[in-house]
C-alpha atoms as a PDB file:
ATOM      1  CA  MET A   1     -23.235  -3.320   8.363  1.00  0.00           C
ATOM      2  CA  ASP A   2     -21.371  -3.091  11.682  1.00  0.00           C
ATOM      3  CA  ARG A   3     -23.045  -6.310  12.809  1.00  0.00           C
ATOM      4  CA  ALA A   4     -21.621  -8.017   9.723  1.00  0.00           C
ATOM      5  CA  ARG A   5     -18.168  -6.549  10.405  1.00  0.00           C
ATOM      6  CA  GLN A   6     -18.223  -8.157  13.860  1.00  0.00           C
ATOM      7  CA  LYS A   7     -18.401 -11.543  12.108  1.00  0.00           C
ATOM      8  CA  LEU A   8     -15.484 -11.077   9.713  1.00  0.00           C
ATOM      9  CA  ILE A   9     -11.880 -12.058  10.487  1.00  0.00           C
ATOM     10  CA  LEU A  10      -9.266 -11.221   7.863  1.00  0.00           C
ATOM     11  CA  ALA A  11      -6.618 -13.916   7.397  1.00  0.00           C
ATOM     12  CA  LEU A  12      -3.263 -12.205   6.924  1.00  0.00           C
ATOM     13  CA  ASP A  13      -1.504 -15.239   5.485  1.00  0.00           C
ATOM     14  CA  PHE A  14       1.623 -13.431   4.343  1.00  0.00           C
ATOM     15  CA  PRO A  15       5.342 -14.197   4.624  1.00  0.00           C
ATOM     16  CA  SER A  16       6.264 -10.816   6.115  1.00  0.00           C
ATOM     17  CA  LEU A  17       4.825  -8.058   8.250  1.00  0.00           C
ATOM     18  CA  GLU A  18       5.537  -5.494   5.534  1.00  0.00           C
ATOM     19  CA  SER A  19       3.257  -7.192   3.020  1.00  0.00           C
ATOM     20  CA  ALA A  20       0.617  -7.991   5.654  1.00  0.00           C
ATOM     21  CA  PHE A  21       0.591  -4.507   7.153  1.00  0.00           C
ATOM     22  CA  ASP A  22      -0.166  -2.683   3.908  1.00  0.00           C
ATOM     23  CA  LEU A  23      -3.346  -4.683   3.307  1.00  0.00           C
ATOM     24  CA  ALA A  24      -4.275  -4.696   6.994  1.00  0.00           C
ATOM     25  CA  GLN A  25      -4.119  -0.909   7.027  1.00  0.00           C
ATOM     26  CA  LEU A  26      -6.325  -0.754   3.922  1.00  0.00           C
ATOM     27  CA  LEU A  27      -8.914  -3.185   5.303  1.00  0.00           C
ATOM     28  CA  ALA A  28      -8.955  -2.478   9.049  1.00  0.00           C
ATOM     29  CA  ALA A  29     -12.317  -0.718   8.885  1.00  0.00           C
ATOM     30  CA  PHE A  30     -13.989  -3.779   7.331  1.00  0.00           C
ATOM     31  CA  VAL A  31     -13.111  -6.465   9.911  1.00  0.00           C
ATOM     32  CA  CYS A  32     -13.260  -7.176  13.640  1.00  0.00           C
ATOM     33  CA  MET A  33     -10.021  -9.192  13.816  1.00  0.00           C
ATOM     34  CA  PHE A  34      -6.831  -9.981  11.973  1.00  0.00           C
ATOM     35  CA  LYS A  35      -5.710 -13.618  11.893  1.00  0.00           C
ATOM     36  CA  ILE A  36      -1.972 -14.185  12.256  1.00  0.00           C
ATOM     37  CA  ASN A  37      -0.879 -17.671  11.241  1.00  0.00           C
ATOM     38  CA  ILE A  38       2.294 -19.656  11.936  1.00  0.00           C
ATOM     39  CA  HIS A  39       4.010 -18.431   8.757  1.00  0.00           C
ATOM     40  CA  LEU A  40       3.787 -14.745   9.612  1.00  0.00           C
ATOM     41  CA  PHE A  41       4.388 -15.315  13.331  1.00  0.00           C
ATOM     42  CA  THR A  42       7.458 -17.460  12.679  1.00  0.00           C
ATOM     43  CA  ALA A  43       8.882 -14.888  10.280  1.00  0.00           C
ATOM     44  CA  GLU A  44       8.213 -11.801  12.384  1.00  0.00           C
ATOM     45  CA  GLY A  45       7.637 -12.941  15.972  1.00  0.00           C
ATOM     46  CA  PRO A  46       5.425 -11.362  18.659  1.00  0.00           C
ATOM     47  CA  SER A  47       6.172  -7.849  17.411  1.00  0.00           C
ATOM     48  CA  ALA A  48       3.807  -8.526  14.489  1.00  0.00           C
ATOM     49  CA  VAL A  49       0.936  -8.883  16.953  1.00  0.00           C
ATOM     50  CA  GLY A  50       1.578  -5.499  18.548  1.00  0.00           C
ATOM     51  CA  LYS A  51       2.092  -3.723  15.244  1.00  0.00           C
ATOM     52  CA  LEU A  52      -1.114  -5.054  13.669  1.00  0.00           C
ATOM     53  CA  ARG A  53      -3.109  -4.449  16.846  1.00  0.00           C
ATOM     54  CA  GLU A  54      -2.271  -0.743  16.554  1.00  0.00           C
ATOM     55  CA  LEU A  55      -4.545  -0.600  13.500  1.00  0.00           C
ATOM     56  CA  GLY A  56      -7.640  -1.248  15.650  1.00  0.00           C
ATOM     57  CA  PRO A  57      -8.952  -4.788  15.092  1.00  0.00           C
ATOM     58  CA  ASP A  58      -8.199  -7.484  17.650  1.00  0.00           C
ATOM     59  CA  ILE A  59      -6.029 -10.505  16.905  1.00  0.00           C
ATOM     60  CA  PHE A  60      -6.830 -14.154  16.255  1.00  0.00           C
ATOM     61  CA  LEU A  61      -3.503 -15.844  16.957  1.00  0.00           C
ATOM     62  CA  ASP A  62      -3.779 -18.964  14.823  1.00  0.00           C
ATOM     63  CA  LEU A  63      -0.763 -20.990  16.005  1.00  0.00           C
ATOM     64  CA  LYS A  64      -2.570 -24.327  16.545  1.00  0.00           C
ATOM     65  CA  PHE A  65      -0.548 -25.501  19.543  1.00  0.00           C
ATOM     66  CA  HIS A  66      -0.187 -29.303  19.634  1.00  0.00           C
ATOM     67  CA  ASP A  67       2.329 -30.725  22.091  1.00  0.00           C
ATOM     68  CA  ILE A  68       2.576 -32.289  25.536  1.00  0.00           C
ATOM     69  CA  PRO A  69       0.451 -30.520  28.191  1.00  0.00           C
ATOM     70  CA  ASN A  70       3.396 -28.839  29.928  1.00  0.00           C
ATOM     71  CA  THR A  71       4.720 -27.318  26.700  1.00  0.00           C
ATOM     72  CA  VAL A  72       1.272 -26.129  25.626  1.00  0.00           C
ATOM     73  CA  THR A  73       0.775 -24.568  29.066  1.00  0.00           C
ATOM     74  CA  GLY A  74       3.825 -22.386  28.517  1.00  0.00           C
ATOM     75  CA  ALA A  75       2.874 -21.498  24.964  1.00  0.00           C
ATOM     76  CA  VAL A  76      -0.667 -20.481  25.898  1.00  0.00           C
ATOM     77  CA  SER A  77       0.568 -18.415  28.848  1.00  0.00           C
ATOM     78  CA  ALA A  78       2.945 -16.514  26.581  1.00  0.00           C
ATOM     79  CA  ALA A  79       0.431 -16.031  23.771  1.00  0.00           C
ATOM     80  CA  ALA A  80      -2.350 -14.869  26.092  1.00  0.00           C
ATOM     81  CA  SER A  81      -0.174 -11.996  27.286  1.00  0.00           C
ATOM     82  CA  LEU A  82       0.336 -10.528  23.809  1.00  0.00           C
ATOM     83  CA  PRO A  83      -1.568  -7.305  23.060  1.00  0.00           C
ATOM     84  CA  GLY A  84      -5.078  -7.557  21.693  1.00  0.00           C
ATOM     85  CA  VAL A  85      -5.261 -11.341  21.334  1.00  0.00           C
ATOM     86  CA  ARG A  86      -8.981 -12.150  21.415  1.00  0.00           C
ATOM     87  CA  LEU A  87      -8.830 -15.690  19.988  1.00  0.00           C
ATOM     88  CA  LEU A  88      -6.162 -18.362  20.440  1.00  0.00           C
ATOM     89  CA  ASN A  89      -6.196 -22.006  19.375  1.00  0.00           C
ATOM     90  CA  VAL A  90      -4.847 -25.491  20.064  1.00  0.00           C
ATOM     91  CA  HIS A  91      -5.311 -28.775  18.202  1.00  0.00           C
ATOM     92  CA  THR A  92      -8.081 -30.941  19.657  1.00  0.00           C
ATOM     93  CA  LEU A  93      -6.156 -34.023  18.522  1.00  0.00           C
ATOM     94  CA  GLY A  94      -3.678 -33.196  21.278  1.00  0.00           C
ATOM     95  CA  GLY A  95      -6.221 -34.785  23.602  1.00  0.00           C
ATOM     96  CA  LEU A  96      -8.278 -33.970  26.661  1.00  0.00           C
ATOM     97  CA  GLU A  97      -5.417 -33.383  29.098  1.00  0.00           C
ATOM     98  CA  MET A  98      -3.553 -31.107  26.714  1.00  0.00           C
ATOM     99  CA  MET A  99      -6.675 -29.018  26.147  1.00  0.00           C
ATOM    100  CA  ARG A 100      -7.373 -28.856  29.876  1.00  0.00           C
ATOM    101  CA  ALA A 101      -3.820 -27.651  30.463  1.00  0.00           C
ATOM    102  CA  ALA A 102      -4.320 -24.960  27.818  1.00  0.00           C
ATOM    103  CA  ALA A 103      -7.570 -23.789  29.411  1.00  0.00           C
ATOM    104  CA  GLU A 104      -5.997 -23.681  32.873  1.00  0.00           C
ATOM    105  CA  ALA A 105      -3.034 -21.672  31.558  1.00  0.00           C
ATOM    106  CA  ARG A 106      -5.365 -19.143  29.952  1.00  0.00           C
ATOM    107  CA  ASP A 107      -7.446 -18.910  33.138  1.00  0.00           C
ATOM    108  CA  LYS A 108      -4.332 -18.153  35.198  1.00  0.00           C
ATOM    109  CA  SER A 109      -3.525 -15.141  33.028  1.00  0.00           C
ATOM    110  CA  LYS A 110      -2.922 -11.913  34.940  1.00  0.00           C
ATOM    111  CA  LEU A 111      -5.279 -10.132  32.572  1.00  0.00           C
ATOM    112  CA  PRO A 112      -8.791  -9.299  33.789  1.00  0.00           C
ATOM    113  CA  LYS A 113     -11.190 -12.076  32.865  1.00  0.00           C
ATOM    114  CA  SER A 114     -12.935  -9.904  30.276  1.00  0.00           C
ATOM    115  CA  GLN A 115      -9.623  -9.355  28.449  1.00  0.00           C
ATOM    116  CA  ARG A 116      -8.424 -12.953  28.363  1.00  0.00           C
ATOM    117  CA  PRO A 117      -8.540 -14.568  24.919  1.00  0.00           C
ATOM    118  CA  LYS A 118     -11.175 -17.113  24.053  1.00  0.00           C
ATOM    119  CA  LEU A 119      -9.589 -20.513  23.555  1.00  0.00           C
ATOM    120  CA  LEU A 120     -10.553 -22.583  20.521  1.00  0.00           C
ATOM    121  CA  GLY A 121      -9.889 -26.159  19.497  1.00  0.00           C
ATOM    122  CA  VAL A 122      -8.971 -26.883  15.880  1.00  0.00           C
ATOM    123  CA  THR A 123     -10.993 -29.963  14.890  1.00  0.00           C
ATOM    124  CA  ILE A 124     -10.198 -31.385  11.430  1.00  0.00           C
ATOM    125  CA  LEU A 125      -8.399 -29.066   9.013  1.00  0.00           C
ATOM    126  CA  THR A 126     -10.628 -27.779   6.228  1.00  0.00           C
ATOM    127  CA  SER A 127      -8.061 -29.031   3.715  1.00  0.00           C
ATOM    128  CA  MET A 128      -8.942 -32.625   4.675  1.00  0.00           C
ATOM    129  CA  ASP A 129     -11.812 -34.738   3.376  1.00  0.00           C
ATOM    130  CA  ASN A 130     -12.839 -38.312   4.222  1.00  0.00           C
ATOM    131  CA  GLU A 131     -10.122 -39.803   2.012  1.00  0.00           C
ATOM    132  CA  ALA A 132      -7.398 -37.659   3.593  1.00  0.00           C
ATOM    133  CA  LEU A 133      -8.628 -38.599   7.056  1.00  0.00           C
ATOM    134  CA  ARG A 134      -8.439 -42.305   6.228  1.00  0.00           C
ATOM    135  CA  GLY A 135      -4.900 -41.730   5.015  1.00  0.00           C
ATOM    136  CA  VAL A 136      -3.786 -40.772   8.520  1.00  0.00           C
ATOM    137  CA  GLY A 137      -5.593 -43.712  10.127  1.00  0.00           C
ATOM    138  CA  ILE A 138      -8.791 -41.993  11.303  1.00  0.00           C
ATOM    139  CA  SER A 139     -11.897 -43.866  10.233  1.00  0.00           C
ATOM    140  CA  GLY A 140     -15.444 -42.636   9.791  1.00  0.00           C
ATOM    141  CA  PRO A 141     -16.827 -39.534   8.113  1.00  0.00           C
ATOM    142  CA  VAL A 142     -15.221 -36.170   8.826  1.00  0.00           C
ATOM    143  CA  SER A 143     -18.483 -34.723  10.165  1.00  0.00           C
ATOM    144  CA  ARG A 144     -18.729 -37.350  12.913  1.00  0.00           C
ATOM    145  CA  ARG A 145     -15.100 -36.927  13.962  1.00  0.00           C
ATOM    146  CA  VAL A 146     -15.464 -33.139  14.090  1.00  0.00           C
ATOM    147  CA  VAL A 147     -18.483 -33.264  16.389  1.00  0.00           C
ATOM    148  CA  LYS A 148     -16.758 -35.737  18.698  1.00  0.00           C
ATOM    149  CA  LEU A 149     -13.710 -33.474  18.911  1.00  0.00           C
ATOM    150  CA  ALA A 150     -15.919 -30.445  19.550  1.00  0.00           C
ATOM    151  CA  ARG A 151     -17.566 -32.220  22.482  1.00  0.00           C
ATOM    152  CA  LEU A 152     -14.124 -33.122  23.817  1.00  0.00           C
ATOM    153  CA  ALA A 153     -13.015 -29.488  23.553  1.00  0.00           C
ATOM    154  CA  GLN A 154     -16.085 -28.378  25.467  1.00  0.00           C
ATOM    155  CA  GLN A 155     -15.427 -30.992  28.144  1.00  0.00           C
ATOM    156  CA  ALA A 156     -11.868 -29.665  28.487  1.00  0.00           C
ATOM    157  CA  GLY A 157     -13.095 -26.125  29.145  1.00  0.00           C
ATOM    158  CA  LEU A 158     -12.431 -24.560  25.761  1.00  0.00           C
ATOM    159  CA  ASP A 159     -14.717 -21.764  24.551  1.00  0.00           C
ATOM    160  CA  GLY A 160     -15.281 -23.120  21.078  1.00  0.00           C
ATOM    161  CA  VAL A 161     -13.790 -24.718  17.993  1.00  0.00           C
ATOM    162  CA  VAL A 162     -12.500 -24.014  14.515  1.00  0.00           C
ATOM    163  CA  ALA A 163     -14.421 -26.145  12.023  1.00  0.00           C
ATOM    164  CA  SER A 164     -15.523 -26.112   8.420  1.00  0.00           C
ATOM    165  CA  PRO A 165     -18.921 -24.647   7.480  1.00  0.00           C
ATOM    166  CA  HIS A 166     -20.187 -28.156   6.757  1.00  0.00           C
ATOM    167  CA  GLU A 167     -20.151 -29.118  10.448  1.00  0.00           C
ATOM    168  CA  VAL A 168     -21.541 -25.940  12.027  1.00  0.00           C
ATOM    169  CA  ARG A 169     -25.124 -27.117  12.494  1.00  0.00           C
ATOM    170  CA  SER A 170     -24.067 -30.459  13.986  1.00  0.00           C
ATOM    171  CA  ILE A 171     -21.658 -28.779  16.402  1.00  0.00           C
ATOM    172  CA  ARG A 172     -24.310 -26.263  17.434  1.00  0.00           C
ATOM    173  CA  ARG A 173     -26.764 -29.067  18.210  1.00  0.00           C
ATOM    174  CA  ALA A 174     -24.139 -30.976  20.175  1.00  0.00           C
ATOM    175  CA  CYS A 175     -22.520 -28.108  22.095  1.00  0.00           C
ATOM    176  CA  GLY A 176     -25.175 -25.406  22.471  1.00  0.00           C
ATOM    177  CA  LYS A 177     -25.713 -21.798  21.484  1.00  0.00           C
ATOM    178  CA  ASP A 178     -22.914 -20.291  23.602  1.00  0.00           C
ATOM    179  CA  PHE A 179     -20.146 -22.467  22.157  1.00  0.00           C
ATOM    180  CA  LEU A 180     -18.086 -20.417  19.683  1.00  0.00           C
ATOM    181  CA  ILE A 181     -17.726 -21.722  16.142  1.00  0.00           C
ATOM    182  CA  VAL A 182     -15.081 -20.065  13.980  1.00  0.00           C
ATOM    183  CA  VAL A 183     -15.282 -21.029  10.322  1.00  0.00           C
ATOM    184  CA  PRO A 184     -12.494 -20.974   7.718  1.00  0.00           C
ATOM    185  CA  GLY A 185     -12.990 -22.498   4.276  1.00  0.00           C
ATOM    186  CA  VAL A 186     -15.314 -19.646   3.263  1.00  0.00           C
ATOM    187  CA  ARG A 187     -15.271 -18.912  -0.449  1.00  0.00           C
ATOM    188  CA  PRO A 188     -17.719 -16.339  -1.858  1.00  0.00           C
ATOM    189  CA  GLU A 189     -19.182 -16.838  -5.297  1.00  0.00           C
ATOM    190  CA  LEU A 190     -18.697 -13.130  -5.959  1.00  0.00           C
ATOM    191  CA  GLY A 191     -15.652 -11.114  -4.967  1.00  0.00           C
ATOM    192  CA  GLY A 192     -13.427  -8.362  -6.273  1.00  0.00           C
ATOM    193  CA  GLY A 193     -15.619  -7.823  -9.346  1.00  0.00           C
ATOM    194  CA  ALA A 194     -15.365 -11.446 -10.518  1.00  0.00           C
ATOM    195  CA  ALA A 195     -18.214 -12.881 -12.538  1.00  0.00           C
ATOM    196  CA  ARG A 196     -20.483 -15.412 -10.922  1.00  0.00           C
ATOM    197  CA  ALA A 197     -19.341 -18.964 -11.584  1.00  0.00           C
ATOM    198  CA  PRO A 198     -20.358 -22.434 -10.377  1.00  0.00           C
ATOM    199  CA  ARG A 199     -18.886 -23.103  -6.948  1.00  0.00           C
ATOM    200  CA  PRO A 200     -16.549 -26.135  -7.044  1.00  0.00           C
ATOM    201  CA  LYS A 201     -16.365 -28.676  -4.254  1.00  0.00           C
ATOM    202  CA  LYS A 202     -12.762 -27.730  -3.582  1.00  0.00           C
ATOM    203  CA  ARG A 203     -11.116 -24.331  -3.829  1.00  0.00           C
ATOM    204  CA  ASP A 204      -7.448 -23.483  -3.452  1.00  0.00           C
ATOM    205  CA  ASP A 205      -6.282 -25.944  -0.760  1.00  0.00           C
ATOM    206  CA  GLN A 206      -9.673 -26.161   0.961  1.00  0.00           C
ATOM    207  CA  ALA A 207     -11.746 -29.345   0.699  1.00  0.00           C
ATOM    208  CA  ARG A 208     -14.832 -28.412   2.761  1.00  0.00           C
ATOM    209  CA  VAL A 209     -16.044 -24.976   1.714  1.00  0.00           C
ATOM    210  CA  ALA A 210     -19.175 -22.800   1.690  1.00  0.00           C
ATOM    211  CA  THR A 211     -20.169 -19.245   0.854  1.00  0.00           C
ATOM    212  CA  PRO A 212     -20.336 -16.561   3.577  1.00  0.00           C
ATOM    213  CA  ALA A 213     -24.131 -16.624   3.493  1.00  0.00           C
ATOM    214  CA  GLU A 214     -24.238 -20.409   3.871  1.00  0.00           C
ATOM    215  CA  ALA A 215     -21.849 -20.307   6.840  1.00  0.00           C
ATOM    216  CA  ILE A 216     -23.821 -17.540   8.588  1.00  0.00           C
ATOM    217  CA  ARG A 217     -27.138 -19.294   8.026  1.00  0.00           C
ATOM    218  CA  ALA A 218     -25.645 -22.474   9.483  1.00  0.00           C
ATOM    219  CA  GLY A 219     -24.839 -20.574  12.693  1.00  0.00           C
ATOM    220  CA  ALA A 220     -21.153 -19.587  12.487  1.00  0.00           C
ATOM    221  CA  ASP A 221     -20.007 -16.972  14.993  1.00  0.00           C
ATOM    222  CA  TYR A 222     -17.024 -15.786  12.943  1.00  0.00           C
ATOM    223  CA  LEU A 223     -15.912 -16.243   9.351  1.00  0.00           C
ATOM    224  CA  VAL A 224     -12.193 -16.363   8.522  1.00  0.00           C
ATOM    225  CA  ILE A 225     -11.565 -15.107   4.991  1.00  0.00           C
ATOM    226  CA  GLY A 226      -8.204 -14.417   3.384  1.00  0.00           C
ATOM    227  CA  ARG A 227      -7.429 -14.830  -0.305  1.00  0.00           C
ATOM    228  CA  PRO A 228     -10.925 -13.966  -1.610  1.00  0.00           C
ATOM    229  CA  ILE A 229     -10.201 -10.497  -0.186  1.00  0.00           C
ATOM    230  CA  THR A 230      -6.424 -10.153  -0.073  1.00  0.00           C
ATOM    231  CA  ALA A 231      -5.836 -11.581  -3.564  1.00  0.00           C
ATOM    232  CA  ALA A 232      -8.763  -9.769  -5.185  1.00  0.00           C
ATOM    233  CA  PRO A 233      -8.060  -7.096  -7.830  1.00  0.00           C
ATOM    234  CA  ASP A 234      -9.833  -4.609  -5.530  1.00  0.00           C
ATOM    235  CA  PRO A 235      -9.609  -5.850  -1.901  1.00  0.00           C
ATOM    236  CA  GLU A 236     -11.857  -3.085  -0.547  1.00  0.00           C
ATOM    237  CA  SER A 237     -14.637  -3.904  -3.013  1.00  0.00           C
ATOM    238  CA  ALA A 238     -14.271  -7.610  -2.254  1.00  0.00           C
ATOM    239  CA  ALA A 239     -14.549  -6.927   1.482  1.00  0.00           C
ATOM    240  CA  ARG A 240     -17.625  -4.739   0.979  1.00  0.00           C
ATOM    241  CA  ALA A 241     -19.304  -7.433  -1.122  1.00  0.00           C
ATOM    242  CA  ILE A 242     -18.631 -10.060   1.535  1.00  0.00           C
ATOM    243  CA  LEU A 243     -19.949  -7.787   4.303  1.00  0.00           C
ATOM    244  CA  GLN A 244     -23.090  -7.209   2.264  1.00  0.00           C
ATOM    245  CA  GLU A 245     -23.563 -10.950   1.847  1.00  0.00           C
ATOM    246  CA  ILE A 246     -23.067 -11.525   5.589  1.00  0.00           C
ATOM    247  CA  SER A 247     -25.459  -8.688   6.410  1.00  0.00           C
ATOM    248  CA  SER A 248     -28.167 -10.102   4.140  1.00  0.00           C
ATOM    249  CA  ALA A 249     -27.779 -13.555   5.680  1.00  0.00           C
ATOM    250  CA  LEU A 250     -27.955 -12.123   9.220  1.00  0.00           C
ATOM    251  CA  SER A 251     -31.164 -10.258   8.406  1.00  0.00           C
ATOM    252  CA  ARG A 252     -32.784 -13.554   7.378  1.00  0.00           C
ATOM    253  CA  ASN A 253     -31.649 -15.554  10.410  1.00  0.00           C
END
């Protein structure tokens, strides 16, 4: 089960550290990382990183930097120095030079190389489908755009990407086995004692979703899961069920 735990990142998408910390404390033994998003970080600041890191799991700092290269350089430098940050991300749509600047800033960190965070590129948000992409002036299917952005991230020196489970196999073929793929948009069919039900094409605000087993079989390195655990009637039972599903999928890979 520990191998499964090393795949699971808990999304602490809460408005305050107080509400996030209680669940983080309850679930720390089930996950390898806590994800801190822009809502929690904006509300609580860098102190939230240190406080949550004290519970044991590392931190995925999900701030999705997207700005001119010089500004992103400063942001990455600051974020990389926070305690326990193992993953950090920028938006691939910021372009090649912005991503290169981010990678260079991370590489200049005073931390030993083994302790520097892995840098990820956010491709297309999992809340967006083909229609939403056309609405912002980007043509072509989402899957093709995601793979192109993943290749661009790799060219820029990033360690991997954040992408939906639907694009994992294509990214793996394009970018190789050592390129990290972190997958949100994971929605188990069972969780927190809920009865099995048909899996819809869209859940909550996610448009491109899959079950934990499907994402693992596709080749995901990490799964980011929040509400299916944190909003479950029994979060511990929901986490155990998801770990069991991941473990079963890993044993068949």
